[in-house]
Amino acid sequence: MQTSDTHFASSNEEAAVRRDWTRFTLLTFLFSFGFAVYGGVFQNFLKDVLNADALQLGQLESYREIPGLLAALTAGTLVALAETRIAGLGLIITGIGIALSGRAHSFPPLIVITVFWSIGFHLWATMQSAITLTLSRGLHGGKNLGRMSAVGAGATLSALGFAWVMSFTLKHNQYQPFFIIGGSCISVSGLICLSLSQHASGTGARASIIFRKEYGLYYLLTFLEGCRRQIFSIFASFALILVYHVPLNKMLLLQLVNSVLITITAPAIGKLVDKKGERGPLTFYSIGLIVVFLGYATTHTVNALYALFLIDNVLFSFGVGFTTYLNRIARPGELTPSLSMGVTMSHIAAVTVPVGGAWLWLHYKNYQVPFWVGVFFACVSLIANHWLPKDPRPATAHPVAVETPPQEETPVLLQDDPA
């Protein structure tokens, strides 16, 4: 009888996890669709409606990343809430803010709106990987992270195709419908996230803030990744728009092709990280970034820049290795707050690099200068990757699915490594 009851409980749990995977996949699609509609047109919106230059773009991006800098503190204050509740709240805030962005016709209100929705976005970004790894139940974390990346890329592909068609039907400089559609999709994804069961949240005690010496390599790698991401994601596309005058429909088409490539490659990259471990794939990633940054720093051929843009975005999928590495070494109950601290480390770069890169661009009157800085950061990443373990097997015996239940009030941890 006890065996039958145990089997019944196990079957119910498996069914609940499957439902959560279905809902999480749907909400990931809706979020990515909405954010891609917004992101696909935003820089053209800045140029066409607000007449922005590189420095204004850099300043806006720095303001936008301030909530990410405070990610660990923000997530720490919400430690009593399950990861899914924090993520759902974040998505709803993001959706509302993005829907309002098209109503800003000068920089001051746009900055306020952007910082508002960025708070929600970084709550979601902090919890997204943790929810994926929790649903993975300690198995195939890289594969599932890659699968979610592919779902996001497929949604982005659909969104960019939709926006590309819309760009021919709307009047010139009419951007508000894009923002309303994008924000609405993201808000709906937040409501779905709130419906996820307890199986999508960590079952162990969760510390509010963690900073450990043993996670130092993860912090360094995420900081360097933040530098790389900011330089390329901001200045690569803006250079095409501002310097080479690439119109909205061509930028959308370029991002559409990019989404097709990511949809195909992301799951395979996730499986590769699971099989080989993080060191080899992330080393390849750094070498690829060096090549991409050197290309942007030296060539003036727009078709070559298109190709480099696509290559960089495909390489970005290797970034799942940072999360799987942390998942292998994190102590029970410390994955989510450690991911939050990683977001904070990444955003130390995110707050400073956009303004610094924009200043270099304008001071030297050359958009290619920031990409030489990108070469430097990619080289440092290549060196740091050699500290990753060679063995692809788990570094600890602390899979996400078997975290211990809380025994007492969880302390705030702000130490290196208490023995």
Protein backbone atom coordinates (compact mmCIF):
# COMPACT_ATOMS: atom_id res chain seq x y z
CA MET A 1 0.00 0.00 0.00
CA GLN A 2 2.83 2.35 0.88
CA THR A 3 4.57 1.48 -2.39
CA SER A 4 1.37 2.23 -4.31
CA ASP A 5 0.95 5.58 -2.54
CA THR A 6 4.58 6.46 -3.23
CA HIS A 7 4.18 5.59 -6.90
CA PHE A 8 0.98 7.66 -7.09
CA ALA A 9 2.69 10.66 -5.47
CA SER A 10 5.65 10.28 -7.82
CA SER A 11 3.33 10.14 -10.85
CA ASN A 12 1.53 13.28 -9.73
CA GLU A 13 4.84 15.05 -9.25
CA GLU A 14 6.03 14.04 -12.73
CA ALA A 15 2.76 15.29 -14.24
CA ALA A 16 3.12 18.61 -12.38
CA VAL A 17 6.69 19.02 -13.64
CA ARG A 18 5.55 18.32 -17.21
CA ARG A 19 2.80 20.95 -16.88
CA ASP A 20 5.34 23.41 -15.53
CA TRP A 21 7.67 22.73 -18.45
CA THR A 22 4.80 23.39 -20.88
CA ARG A 23 3.87 26.65 -19.16
CA PHE A 24 7.48 27.74 -18.77
CA THR A 25 8.14 27.08 -22.45
CA LEU A 26 5.05 29.09 -23.39
CA LEU A 27 5.92 32.03 -21.18
CA THR A 28 9.52 31.98 -22.45
CA PHE A 29 8.16 32.16 -26.00
CA LEU A 30 5.81 35.05 -25.16
CA PHE A 31 8.50 37.00 -23.32
CA SER A 32 11.03 36.53 -26.12
CA PHE A 33 8.42 37.44 -28.74
CA GLY A 34 7.45 40.64 -26.93
CA PHE A 35 11.01 41.68 -26.14
CA ALA A 36 12.12 41.01 -29.72
CA VAL A 37 9.35 43.22 -31.12
CA TYR A 38 10.56 45.98 -28.79
CA GLY A 39 14.28 45.38 -29.29
CA GLY A 40 14.00 45.02 -33.04
CA VAL A 41 12.82 48.60 -33.49
CA PHE A 42 14.18 50.44 -30.44
CA GLN A 43 17.45 51.76 -31.82
CA ASN A 44 15.72 52.93 -35.00
CA PHE A 45 13.16 54.61 -32.72
CA LEU A 46 15.99 56.43 -30.93
CA LYS A 47 17.45 57.66 -34.20
CA ASP A 48 14.20 58.52 -36.06
CA VAL A 49 12.08 59.94 -33.22
CA LEU A 50 14.58 61.23 -30.66
CA ASN A 51 17.51 61.94 -33.03
CA ALA A 52 19.89 60.21 -30.60
CA ASP A 53 23.65 60.03 -31.03
CA ALA A 54 26.09 57.40 -29.70
CA LEU A 55 26.68 59.18 -26.38
CA GLN A 56 22.95 59.47 -25.64
CA LEU A 57 22.52 55.79 -26.44
CA GLY A 58 25.39 54.93 -24.11
CA GLN A 59 23.94 57.05 -21.31
CA LEU A 60 20.51 55.46 -21.69
CA GLU A 61 22.00 51.96 -21.62
CA SER A 62 23.97 52.78 -18.47
CA TYR A 63 20.81 54.01 -16.71
CA ARG A 64 18.97 50.91 -17.90
CA GLU A 65 21.57 48.61 -16.37
CA ILE A 66 21.59 50.19 -12.90
CA PRO A 67 18.84 47.81 -11.65
CA GLY A 68 21.00 44.92 -12.85
CA LEU A 69 23.86 46.26 -10.75
CA LEU A 70 21.56 45.93 -7.73
CA ALA A 71 20.24 42.49 -8.75
CA ALA A 72 21.68 40.62 -5.76
CA LEU A 73 20.32 43.17 -3.29
CA THR A 74 16.90 43.31 -4.98
CA ALA A 75 16.55 39.53 -5.11
CA GLY A 76 17.78 39.35 -1.52
CA THR A 77 14.99 41.59 -0.27
CA LEU A 78 12.47 39.25 -1.92
CA VAL A 79 14.02 36.07 -0.52
CA ALA A 80 10.72 35.07 1.13
CA LEU A 81 9.07 34.78 -2.31
CA ALA A 82 9.49 31.74 -4.56
CA GLU A 83 11.57 32.21 -7.70
CA THR A 84 8.50 31.91 -9.90
CA ARG A 85 6.69 34.68 -8.02
CA ILE A 86 9.67 37.02 -8.31
CA ALA A 87 10.03 36.22 -12.02
CA GLY A 88 6.29 36.71 -12.68
CA LEU A 89 6.26 40.06 -10.91
CA GLY A 90 9.33 41.10 -12.87
CA LEU A 91 7.75 40.17 -16.20
CA ILE A 92 4.58 42.15 -15.48
CA ILE A 93 6.63 45.24 -14.55
CA THR A 94 8.69 44.80 -17.73
CA GLY A 95 5.61 44.51 -19.92
CA ILE A 96 3.98 47.63 -18.52
CA GLY A 97 7.16 49.68 -18.92
CA ILE A 98 7.84 48.57 -22.47
CA ALA A 99 4.25 49.29 -23.50
CA LEU A 100 4.73 52.86 -22.23
CA SER A 101 8.10 53.40 -23.95
CA GLY A 102 6.61 54.46 -27.26
CA ARG A 103 4.89 57.41 -25.57
CA ALA A 104 8.23 59.01 -24.64
CA HIS A 105 9.17 61.78 -27.06
CA SER A 106 12.17 63.13 -25.16
CA PHE A 107 15.00 61.59 -23.17
CA PRO A 108 14.01 62.40 -19.56
CA PRO A 109 10.70 60.45 -19.59
CA LEU A 110 12.30 57.66 -21.62
CA ILE A 111 15.02 57.27 -18.97
CA VAL A 112 12.42 57.04 -16.18
CA ILE A 113 10.33 54.47 -18.07
CA THR A 114 13.40 52.45 -19.04
CA VAL A 115 14.74 52.24 -15.48
CA PHE A 116 11.25 51.22 -14.29
CA TRP A 117 10.90 48.28 -16.65
CA SER A 118 14.55 47.35 -16.23
CA ILE A 119 13.89 46.59 -12.55
CA GLY A 120 11.37 43.96 -13.61
CA PHE A 121 13.54 42.67 -16.45
CA HIS A 122 16.48 41.99 -14.17
CA LEU A 123 14.29 40.21 -11.64
CA TRP A 124 13.18 37.89 -14.46
CA ALA A 125 16.71 37.53 -15.88
CA THR A 126 18.03 36.55 -12.44
CA MET A 127 15.39 33.85 -11.91
CA GLN A 128 15.06 32.47 -15.45
CA SER A 129 18.11 30.19 -15.35
CA ALA A 130 17.37 29.09 -11.79
CA ILE A 131 13.85 28.00 -12.78
CA THR A 132 15.20 26.13 -15.81
CA LEU A 133 17.79 24.28 -13.72
CA THR A 134 15.24 23.50 -10.99
CA LEU A 135 12.85 21.99 -13.52
CA SER A 136 15.79 20.00 -14.91
CA ARG A 137 16.02 18.34 -11.46
CA GLY A 138 19.79 18.01 -11.61
CA LEU A 139 19.83 16.42 -15.10
CA HIS A 140 20.84 17.86 -18.49
CA GLY A 141 21.02 21.45 -17.29
CA GLY A 142 23.01 22.63 -20.30
CA LYS A 143 20.67 20.86 -22.70
CA ASN A 144 17.60 22.48 -21.16
CA LEU A 145 19.23 25.91 -21.03
CA GLY A 146 20.06 25.50 -24.71
CA ARG A 147 16.51 24.34 -25.42
CA MET A 148 15.09 27.45 -23.76
CA SER A 149 17.50 29.55 -25.79
CA ALA A 150 16.16 27.87 -28.92
CA VAL A 151 12.57 28.56 -27.82
CA GLY A 152 13.53 32.20 -27.30
CA ALA A 153 15.23 32.33 -30.68
CA GLY A 154 12.18 30.80 -32.34
CA ALA A 155 9.99 33.41 -30.68
CA THR A 156 12.40 36.13 -31.75
CA LEU A 157 12.26 34.80 -35.29
CA SER A 158 8.47 34.98 -35.27
CA ALA A 159 8.49 38.43 -33.68
CA LEU A 160 10.98 39.90 -36.13
CA GLY A 161 9.05 38.47 -39.08
CA PHE A 162 5.90 40.00 -37.63
CA ALA A 163 7.64 43.36 -37.03
CA TRP A 164 9.19 43.28 -40.49
CA VAL A 165 5.73 42.94 -42.07
CA MET A 166 4.37 45.62 -39.73
CA SER A 167 7.15 48.02 -40.78
CA PHE A 168 5.65 48.14 -44.29
CA THR A 169 2.11 48.80 -43.09
CA LEU A 170 2.74 51.63 -40.60
CA LYS A 171 3.57 55.22 -41.34
CA HIS A 172 7.17 56.45 -41.07
CA ASN A 173 8.26 57.00 -37.45
CA GLN A 174 5.12 55.26 -36.13
CA TYR A 175 6.62 53.05 -33.42
CA GLN A 176 4.06 53.02 -30.61
CA PRO A 177 2.15 49.91 -31.87
CA PHE A 178 5.38 47.89 -31.67
CA PHE A 179 5.85 48.81 -28.01
CA ILE A 180 2.22 48.09 -27.06
CA ILE A 181 2.27 44.66 -28.69
CA GLY A 182 5.63 43.79 -27.14
CA GLY A 183 4.63 44.93 -23.67
CA SER A 184 1.31 43.07 -23.80
CA CYS A 185 2.99 39.75 -24.68
CA ILE A 186 5.48 40.16 -21.83
CA SER A 187 2.74 40.98 -19.31
CA VAL A 188 0.82 37.83 -20.29
CA SER A 189 4.01 35.79 -19.83
CA GLY A 190 4.23 37.16 -16.30
CA LEU A 191 0.71 35.97 -15.49
CA ILE A 192 1.59 32.48 -16.75
CA CYS A 193 4.76 32.51 -14.64
CA LEU A 194 2.70 33.19 -11.52
CA SER A 195 0.74 29.99 -12.25
CA LEU A 196 3.80 27.70 -12.06
CA SER A 197 3.76 25.17 -9.23
CA GLN A 198 6.23 24.77 -6.37
CA HIS A 199 8.18 22.24 -8.47
CA ALA A 200 9.56 25.16 -10.52
CA SER A 201 11.08 26.82 -7.44
CA GLY A 202 14.00 25.62 -5.35
CA THR A 203 12.92 23.51 -2.39
CA GLY A 204 15.85 24.34 -0.15
CA ALA A 205 16.53 27.27 2.15
CA ARG A 206 17.66 30.25 0.09
CA ALA A 207 20.18 32.74 1.46
CA SER A 208 19.44 36.36 0.64
CA ILE A 209 22.87 37.62 -0.42
CA ILE A 210 25.94 35.49 -1.10
CA PHE A 211 29.50 36.45 -1.96
CA ARG A 212 31.94 33.55 -1.66
CA LYS A 213 35.58 33.25 -2.64
CA GLU A 214 34.91 29.80 -4.10
CA TYR A 215 32.59 31.37 -6.67
CA GLY A 216 35.24 33.93 -7.66
CA LEU A 217 35.91 32.46 -11.10
CA TYR A 218 32.17 32.58 -11.91
CA TYR A 219 32.04 36.23 -10.84
CA LEU A 220 35.07 37.06 -13.02
CA LEU A 221 33.68 35.27 -16.06
CA THR A 222 30.28 36.94 -15.76
CA PHE A 223 31.94 40.35 -15.36
CA LEU A 224 33.97 39.81 -18.54
CA GLU A 225 30.86 38.52 -20.32
CA GLY A 226 29.03 41.69 -19.29
CA CYS A 227 31.79 43.79 -20.87
CA ARG A 228 31.62 41.82 -24.09
CA ARG A 229 27.85 41.82 -24.26
CA GLN A 230 27.54 45.55 -23.76
CA ILE A 231 30.17 46.47 -26.35
CA PHE A 232 28.72 44.31 -29.08
CA SER A 233 25.00 44.46 -28.38
CA ILE A 234 25.00 48.26 -28.21
CA PHE A 235 27.65 49.45 -30.64
CA ALA A 236 27.55 46.76 -33.34
CA SER A 237 23.93 47.37 -34.29
CA PHE A 238 24.09 51.14 -33.68
CA ALA A 239 27.12 51.39 -35.97
CA LEU A 240 25.13 49.71 -38.73
CA ILE A 241 22.25 52.14 -38.19
CA LEU A 242 24.18 55.38 -37.57
CA VAL A 243 27.31 54.90 -39.70
CA TYR A 244 26.09 52.66 -42.50
CA HIS A 245 22.47 53.92 -42.48
CA VAL A 246 20.90 50.46 -42.45
CA PRO A 247 17.10 50.99 -42.46
CA LEU A 248 14.61 49.38 -40.09
CA ASN A 249 13.41 46.65 -42.46
CA LYS A 250 16.99 45.48 -43.15
CA MET A 251 17.88 45.48 -39.44
CA LEU A 252 14.79 43.38 -38.74
CA LEU A 253 15.71 40.99 -41.56
CA LEU A 254 19.25 40.67 -40.18
CA GLN A 255 17.93 39.85 -36.72
CA LEU A 256 15.45 37.41 -38.25
CA VAL A 257 18.27 35.45 -39.93
CA ASN A 258 20.14 35.56 -36.63
CA SER A 259 17.17 33.97 -34.85
CA VAL A 260 17.03 31.13 -37.37
CA LEU A 261 20.69 30.35 -36.73
CA ILE A 262 20.28 30.43 -32.94
CA THR A 263 17.20 28.20 -33.09
CA ILE A 264 19.27 25.59 -34.94
CA THR A 265 22.51 25.86 -32.96
CA ALA A 266 21.53 26.64 -29.34
CA PRO A 267 20.27 23.14 -28.36
CA ALA A 268 23.37 21.52 -29.86
CA ILE A 269 25.63 23.93 -27.98
CA GLY A 270 23.82 23.15 -24.71
CA LYS A 271 24.31 19.40 -25.27
CA LEU A 272 27.98 20.00 -26.06
CA VAL A 273 28.48 21.82 -22.75
CA ASP A 274 26.78 18.95 -20.88
CA LYS A 275 29.01 16.41 -22.62
CA LYS A 276 32.37 18.16 -22.70
CA GLY A 277 32.13 20.42 -19.66
CA GLU A 278 32.59 24.18 -19.75
CA ARG A 279 36.31 24.64 -20.38
CA GLY A 280 36.55 23.55 -24.03
CA PRO A 281 33.35 25.22 -25.31
CA LEU A 282 34.03 28.49 -23.46
CA THR A 283 37.61 28.55 -24.78
CA PHE A 284 36.24 28.21 -28.30
CA TYR A 285 33.74 30.97 -27.46
CA SER A 286 36.50 33.37 -26.41
CA ILE A 287 38.55 32.68 -29.53
CA GLY A 288 35.47 33.30 -31.66
CA LEU A 289 34.84 36.60 -29.87
CA ILE A 290 38.41 37.75 -30.52
CA VAL A 291 37.89 37.11 -34.23
CA VAL A 292 34.53 38.93 -34.26
CA PHE A 293 35.81 41.98 -32.39
CA LEU A 294 38.91 42.18 -34.57
CA GLY A 295 36.65 42.08 -37.62
CA TYR A 296 34.49 44.95 -36.39
CA ALA A 297 37.62 46.90 -35.39
CA THR A 298 39.28 46.64 -38.80
CA THR A 299 36.76 46.22 -41.63
CA HIS A 300 34.51 48.79 -43.30
CA THR A 301 32.69 46.35 -45.59
CA VAL A 302 29.05 46.31 -44.56
CA ASN A 303 28.40 42.74 -45.78
CA ALA A 304 31.32 41.53 -43.65
CA LEU A 305 29.84 43.37 -40.67
CA TYR A 306 26.53 41.62 -41.29
CA ALA A 307 28.31 38.25 -41.16
CA LEU A 308 30.20 39.14 -37.98
CA PHE A 309 26.93 40.30 -36.38
CA LEU A 310 25.39 36.89 -37.04
CA ILE A 311 28.46 34.96 -35.88
CA ASP A 312 28.58 36.83 -32.56
CA ASN A 313 24.95 36.12 -31.80
CA VAL A 314 25.40 32.40 -32.49
CA LEU A 315 28.49 32.34 -30.25
CA PHE A 316 26.43 33.95 -27.48
CA SER A 317 24.70 30.58 -26.93
CA PHE A 318 27.95 29.25 -25.45
CA GLY A 319 27.20 31.51 -22.48
CA VAL A 320 25.10 28.69 -20.96
CA GLY A 321 28.47 27.36 -19.81
CA PHE A 322 28.73 30.06 -17.14
CA THR A 323 25.43 28.96 -15.60
CA THR A 324 26.13 25.21 -15.79
CA TYR A 325 29.53 25.77 -14.17
CA LEU A 326 27.91 27.57 -11.23
CA ASN A 327 25.24 24.87 -11.01
CA ARG A 328 28.00 22.25 -10.64
CA ILE A 329 29.80 24.01 -7.80
CA ALA A 330 26.99 25.81 -5.92
CA ARG A 331 26.13 24.69 -2.40
CA PRO A 332 22.56 23.65 -1.60
CA GLY A 333 20.22 26.65 -1.50
CA GLU A 334 22.83 28.99 -3.02
CA LEU A 335 22.16 28.71 -6.75
CA THR A 336 19.56 31.48 -7.07
CA PRO A 337 21.35 34.09 -4.90
CA SER A 338 24.65 33.23 -6.59
CA LEU A 339 23.08 33.77 -10.01
CA SER A 340 21.81 37.11 -8.69
CA MET A 341 25.32 38.05 -7.61
CA GLY A 342 26.57 37.02 -11.05
CA VAL A 343 24.05 39.38 -12.63
CA THR A 344 25.35 42.13 -10.37
CA MET A 345 28.95 41.40 -11.41
CA SER A 346 27.94 41.49 -15.06
CA HIS A 347 26.23 44.82 -14.56
CA ILE A 348 29.23 46.48 -12.98
CA ALA A 349 30.42 46.39 -16.58
CA ALA A 350 26.97 47.18 -17.95
CA VAL A 351 26.75 50.49 -16.10
CA THR A 352 30.20 51.72 -17.13
CA VAL A 353 30.95 50.22 -20.55
CA PRO A 354 28.16 51.91 -22.58
CA VAL A 355 29.16 55.43 -21.56
CA GLY A 356 32.87 54.66 -21.79
CA GLY A 357 32.49 53.08 -25.22
CA ALA A 358 30.36 55.94 -26.48
CA TRP A 359 32.94 58.47 -25.21
CA LEU A 360 35.71 56.62 -27.07
CA TRP A 361 33.59 56.58 -30.22
CA LEU A 362 32.95 60.33 -30.12
CA HIS A 363 36.38 61.39 -28.80
CA TYR A 364 38.29 59.56 -31.52
CA LYS A 365 35.50 60.06 -34.08
CA ASN A 366 35.76 56.37 -34.88
CA TYR A 367 33.10 53.75 -34.04
CA GLN A 368 35.75 50.99 -34.23
CA VAL A 369 37.67 52.04 -31.10
CA PRO A 370 35.26 50.37 -28.61
CA PHE A 371 35.74 47.08 -30.44
CA TRP A 372 39.49 47.13 -29.71
CA VAL A 373 38.47 47.26 -26.05
CA GLY A 374 36.30 44.23 -26.79
CA VAL A 375 39.35 42.38 -28.15
CA PHE A 376 41.11 43.01 -24.84
CA PHE A 377 38.22 41.66 -22.74
CA ALA A 378 37.89 38.59 -24.98
CA CYS A 379 41.62 37.87 -24.52
CA VAL A 380 41.29 38.12 -20.73
CA SER A 381 38.31 35.73 -20.91
CA LEU A 382 40.41 33.27 -22.90
CA ILE A 383 43.03 33.27 -20.15
CA ALA A 384 40.44 32.97 -17.35
CA ASN A 385 38.82 29.95 -19.04
CA HIS A 386 41.94 27.90 -18.34
CA TRP A 387 41.02 27.94 -14.65
CA LEU A 388 37.84 26.02 -15.37
CA PRO A 389 37.96 22.28 -14.52
CA LYS A 390 38.72 19.89 -17.37
CA ASP A 391 36.46 17.18 -16.00
CA PRO A 392 32.90 17.48 -17.42
CA ARG A 393 31.45 15.54 -14.48
CA PRO A 394 29.75 17.46 -11.65
CA ALA A 395 32.23 19.23 -9.39
CA THR A 396 30.05 18.71 -6.31
CA ALA A 397 27.27 16.43 -5.16
CA HIS A 398 24.73 19.23 -4.86
CA PRO A 399 22.25 18.91 -7.76
CA VAL A 400 19.44 21.43 -7.73
CA ALA A 401 16.69 18.85 -7.33
CA VAL A 402 17.90 17.53 -3.98
CA GLU A 403 18.44 20.71 -2.01
CA THR A 404 17.77 20.18 1.69
CA PRO A 405 14.67 21.67 3.29
CA PRO A 406 15.06 24.69 5.53
CA GLN A 407 15.98 23.95 9.14
CA GLU A 408 16.16 27.45 10.51
CA GLU A 409 16.07 31.07 9.47
CA THR A 410 18.45 31.54 6.54
CA PRO A 411 21.29 33.95 7.30
CA VAL A 412 22.71 36.63 5.06
CA LEU A 413 26.09 35.37 3.84
CA LEU A 414 28.77 37.92 3.13
CA GLN A 415 31.96 35.97 3.73
CA ASP A 416 34.66 34.34 1.63
CA ASP A 417 34.50 30.73 2.67
CA PRO A 418 33.58 29.79 6.21
CA ALA A 419 34.99 26.36 6.93
